[in-house]
N, C-alpha and C. Protein backbone atom coordinates (compact mmCIF):
# COMPACT_ATOMS: atom_id res chain seq x y z
N MET A 1 -59.88 -11.95 26.32
CA MET A 1 -58.70 -12.61 25.83
C MET A 1 -58.00 -11.79 24.76
N ALA A 2 -58.75 -11.15 23.91
CA ALA A 2 -58.14 -10.33 22.86
C ALA A 2 -57.38 -9.15 23.46
N GLY A 3 -57.89 -8.62 24.56
CA GLY A 3 -57.21 -7.51 25.22
C GLY A 3 -55.90 -7.94 25.84
N ASP A 4 -55.84 -9.15 26.35
CA ASP A 4 -54.60 -9.65 26.94
C ASP A 4 -53.53 -9.84 25.87
N ALA A 5 -53.93 -10.36 24.73
CA ALA A 5 -52.96 -10.57 23.65
C ALA A 5 -52.44 -9.24 23.13
N GLY A 6 -53.33 -8.24 23.05
CA GLY A 6 -52.92 -6.93 22.55
C GLY A 6 -51.95 -6.24 23.50
N SER A 7 -52.19 -6.34 24.79
CA SER A 7 -51.30 -5.68 25.74
C SER A 7 -49.94 -6.38 25.79
N GLY A 8 -49.92 -7.69 25.63
CA GLY A 8 -48.65 -8.42 25.59
C GLY A 8 -47.85 -8.06 24.35
N ALA A 9 -48.54 -7.93 23.22
CA ALA A 9 -47.86 -7.56 21.97
C ALA A 9 -47.33 -6.14 22.06
N LEU A 10 -48.11 -5.25 22.66
CA LEU A 10 -47.67 -3.87 22.82
C LEU A 10 -46.45 -3.80 23.74
N ARG A 11 -46.48 -4.57 24.82
CA ARG A 11 -45.35 -4.58 25.74
C ARG A 11 -44.10 -5.12 25.06
N GLU A 12 -44.29 -6.16 24.25
CA GLU A 12 -43.14 -6.73 23.53
C GLU A 12 -42.57 -5.73 22.52
N LEU A 13 -43.43 -5.03 21.82
CA LEU A 13 -42.96 -4.00 20.89
C LEU A 13 -42.23 -2.88 21.61
N LEU A 14 -42.72 -2.49 22.76
CA LEU A 14 -42.05 -1.45 23.53
C LEU A 14 -40.66 -1.92 23.98
N VAL A 15 -40.55 -3.17 24.37
CA VAL A 15 -39.24 -3.71 24.76
C VAL A 15 -38.30 -3.72 23.57
N VAL A 16 -38.81 -4.15 22.41
CA VAL A 16 -37.98 -4.18 21.20
C VAL A 16 -37.50 -2.78 20.84
N PHE A 17 -38.39 -1.80 20.89
CA PHE A 17 -37.99 -0.43 20.56
C PHE A 17 -37.03 0.14 21.61
N ALA A 18 -37.20 -0.23 22.88
CA ALA A 18 -36.30 0.26 23.92
C ALA A 18 -34.90 -0.32 23.72
N VAL A 19 -34.82 -1.60 23.39
CA VAL A 19 -33.50 -2.21 23.14
C VAL A 19 -32.86 -1.62 21.89
N ALA A 20 -33.67 -1.37 20.86
CA ALA A 20 -33.13 -0.76 19.63
C ALA A 20 -32.63 0.66 19.91
N ALA A 21 -33.37 1.42 20.69
CA ALA A 21 -32.95 2.78 21.02
C ALA A 21 -31.67 2.76 21.85
N ALA A 22 -31.56 1.83 22.78
CA ALA A 22 -30.34 1.73 23.59
C ALA A 22 -29.15 1.35 22.71
N GLY A 23 -29.35 0.43 21.76
CA GLY A 23 -28.28 0.05 20.85
C GLY A 23 -27.85 1.21 19.97
N LEU A 24 -28.82 1.96 19.48
CA LEU A 24 -28.51 3.13 18.66
C LEU A 24 -27.75 4.18 19.45
N LEU A 25 -28.14 4.38 20.69
CA LEU A 25 -27.44 5.34 21.54
C LEU A 25 -26.00 4.90 21.78
N LEU A 26 -25.80 3.62 22.07
CA LEU A 26 -24.44 3.12 22.26
C LEU A 26 -23.60 3.24 20.99
N ALA A 27 -24.22 2.99 19.84
CA ALA A 27 -23.49 3.12 18.58
C ALA A 27 -23.10 4.57 18.32
N LEU A 28 -23.98 5.50 18.63
CA LEU A 28 -23.66 6.92 18.45
C LEU A 28 -22.54 7.36 19.39
N VAL A 29 -22.59 6.88 20.62
CA VAL A 29 -21.52 7.22 21.57
C VAL A 29 -20.19 6.66 21.08
N ALA A 30 -20.19 5.44 20.61
CA ALA A 30 -18.95 4.83 20.12
C ALA A 30 -18.44 5.53 18.87
N ALA A 31 -19.35 5.99 18.00
CA ALA A 31 -18.94 6.62 16.75
C ALA A 31 -18.42 8.04 16.95
N PHE A 32 -18.99 8.77 17.87
CA PHE A 32 -18.65 10.18 18.00
C PHE A 32 -17.85 10.52 19.25
N ALA A 33 -17.52 9.55 20.06
CA ALA A 33 -16.71 9.81 21.25
C ALA A 33 -15.25 10.01 20.82
N PRO A 34 -14.52 10.85 21.53
CA PRO A 34 -13.10 11.00 21.23
C PRO A 34 -12.40 9.66 21.42
N TRP A 35 -11.48 9.34 20.53
CA TRP A 35 -10.93 8.00 20.55
C TRP A 35 -9.44 7.92 20.76
N HIS A 36 -8.71 8.98 20.69
CA HIS A 36 -7.28 8.88 21.01
C HIS A 36 -6.86 10.09 21.84
N PRO A 37 -6.19 9.84 22.94
CA PRO A 37 -5.80 10.94 23.82
C PRO A 37 -4.59 11.72 23.29
N THR A 38 -4.51 12.96 23.69
CA THR A 38 -3.35 13.80 23.36
C THR A 38 -2.58 14.08 24.65
N SER A 39 -1.55 14.88 24.55
CA SER A 39 -0.70 15.13 25.71
C SER A 39 -1.44 15.88 26.82
N ASP A 40 -2.43 16.68 26.49
CA ASP A 40 -3.15 17.41 27.54
C ASP A 40 -4.32 16.62 28.11
N GLY A 41 -4.46 15.36 27.74
CA GLY A 41 -5.49 14.51 28.31
C GLY A 41 -6.78 14.48 27.53
N THR A 42 -6.98 15.43 26.65
CA THR A 42 -8.20 15.41 25.84
C THR A 42 -7.94 14.59 24.59
N ALA A 43 -9.00 14.18 23.97
CA ALA A 43 -8.85 13.36 22.76
C ALA A 43 -9.48 14.08 21.59
N ARG A 44 -8.72 14.21 20.53
CA ARG A 44 -9.22 14.87 19.33
C ARG A 44 -8.89 13.99 18.13
N ALA A 45 -9.81 13.90 17.21
CA ALA A 45 -9.55 13.15 15.99
C ALA A 45 -8.85 14.07 15.00
N GLY A 46 -7.84 13.55 14.34
CA GLY A 46 -7.09 14.34 13.37
C GLY A 46 -7.22 13.75 11.98
N LEU A 47 -6.75 14.50 11.02
CA LEU A 47 -6.77 14.01 9.65
C LEU A 47 -5.66 13.00 9.43
N VAL A 48 -5.91 12.10 8.55
CA VAL A 48 -4.91 11.09 8.19
C VAL A 48 -4.08 11.65 7.05
N GLU A 49 -2.77 11.57 7.18
CA GLU A 49 -1.89 12.03 6.12
C GLU A 49 -1.63 10.89 5.15
N LEU A 50 -1.78 11.17 3.89
CA LEU A 50 -1.54 10.17 2.86
C LEU A 50 -0.19 10.45 2.21
N HIS A 51 0.64 9.45 2.10
CA HIS A 51 1.95 9.58 1.49
C HIS A 51 2.05 8.58 0.35
N SER A 52 2.41 9.06 -0.83
CA SER A 52 2.60 8.15 -1.95
C SER A 52 4.07 7.76 -2.01
N PRO A 53 4.35 6.59 -2.53
CA PRO A 53 5.74 6.16 -2.60
C PRO A 53 6.54 7.03 -3.57
N PRO A 54 7.83 7.19 -3.34
CA PRO A 54 8.65 8.02 -4.23
C PRO A 54 8.88 7.33 -5.57
N GLY A 55 9.14 8.13 -6.56
CA GLY A 55 9.48 7.60 -7.89
C GLY A 55 8.26 7.55 -8.80
N PRO A 56 8.55 7.41 -10.09
CA PRO A 56 7.45 7.35 -11.05
C PRO A 56 6.68 6.04 -10.93
N ALA A 57 5.51 6.05 -11.47
CA ALA A 57 4.63 4.88 -11.36
C ALA A 57 5.19 3.69 -12.12
N SER A 58 6.00 3.93 -13.15
CA SER A 58 6.54 2.81 -13.92
C SER A 58 7.50 1.96 -13.09
N GLU A 59 8.17 2.56 -12.11
CA GLU A 59 9.05 1.80 -11.25
C GLU A 59 8.28 0.91 -10.29
N MET A 60 7.03 1.25 -10.06
CA MET A 60 6.24 0.50 -9.11
C MET A 60 5.69 -0.79 -9.70
N THR A 61 5.59 -0.87 -10.99
CA THR A 61 5.05 -2.07 -11.59
C THR A 61 6.16 -3.08 -11.82
N THR A 62 5.85 -4.31 -11.62
CA THR A 62 6.84 -5.34 -11.88
C THR A 62 6.29 -6.28 -12.92
N THR A 63 7.18 -6.82 -13.72
CA THR A 63 6.76 -7.77 -14.74
C THR A 63 7.44 -9.09 -14.44
N THR A 64 6.73 -10.12 -14.70
CA THR A 64 7.31 -11.44 -14.51
C THR A 64 7.31 -12.16 -15.86
N THR A 65 8.36 -12.87 -16.07
CA THR A 65 8.44 -13.64 -17.32
C THR A 65 8.53 -15.10 -16.96
N THR A 66 7.86 -15.88 -17.74
CA THR A 66 7.93 -17.32 -17.54
C THR A 66 8.41 -17.96 -18.83
N THR A 67 9.12 -19.03 -18.67
CA THR A 67 9.58 -19.75 -19.85
C THR A 67 8.85 -21.09 -19.88
N HIS A 68 8.45 -21.44 -21.05
CA HIS A 68 7.78 -22.72 -21.24
C HIS A 68 8.72 -23.64 -22.00
N GLY A 69 8.86 -24.79 -21.57
CA GLY A 69 9.73 -25.61 -22.36
C GLY A 69 9.99 -26.87 -21.75
């Protein structure tokens, strides 16, 4: 009986590790696969361009005034 329980537990652990390995493989494929096509049909990831708004930072802040009364 102890041998039966051990083989069942081992089989269950192997299934758990197989499912975990399959999930990890799918995650790696999703993370590193090309994700946007270009005109020649291949997909390459590019850098994101950052643009700051024009004008000094003081123009970007707004102040609100409230009156109590």
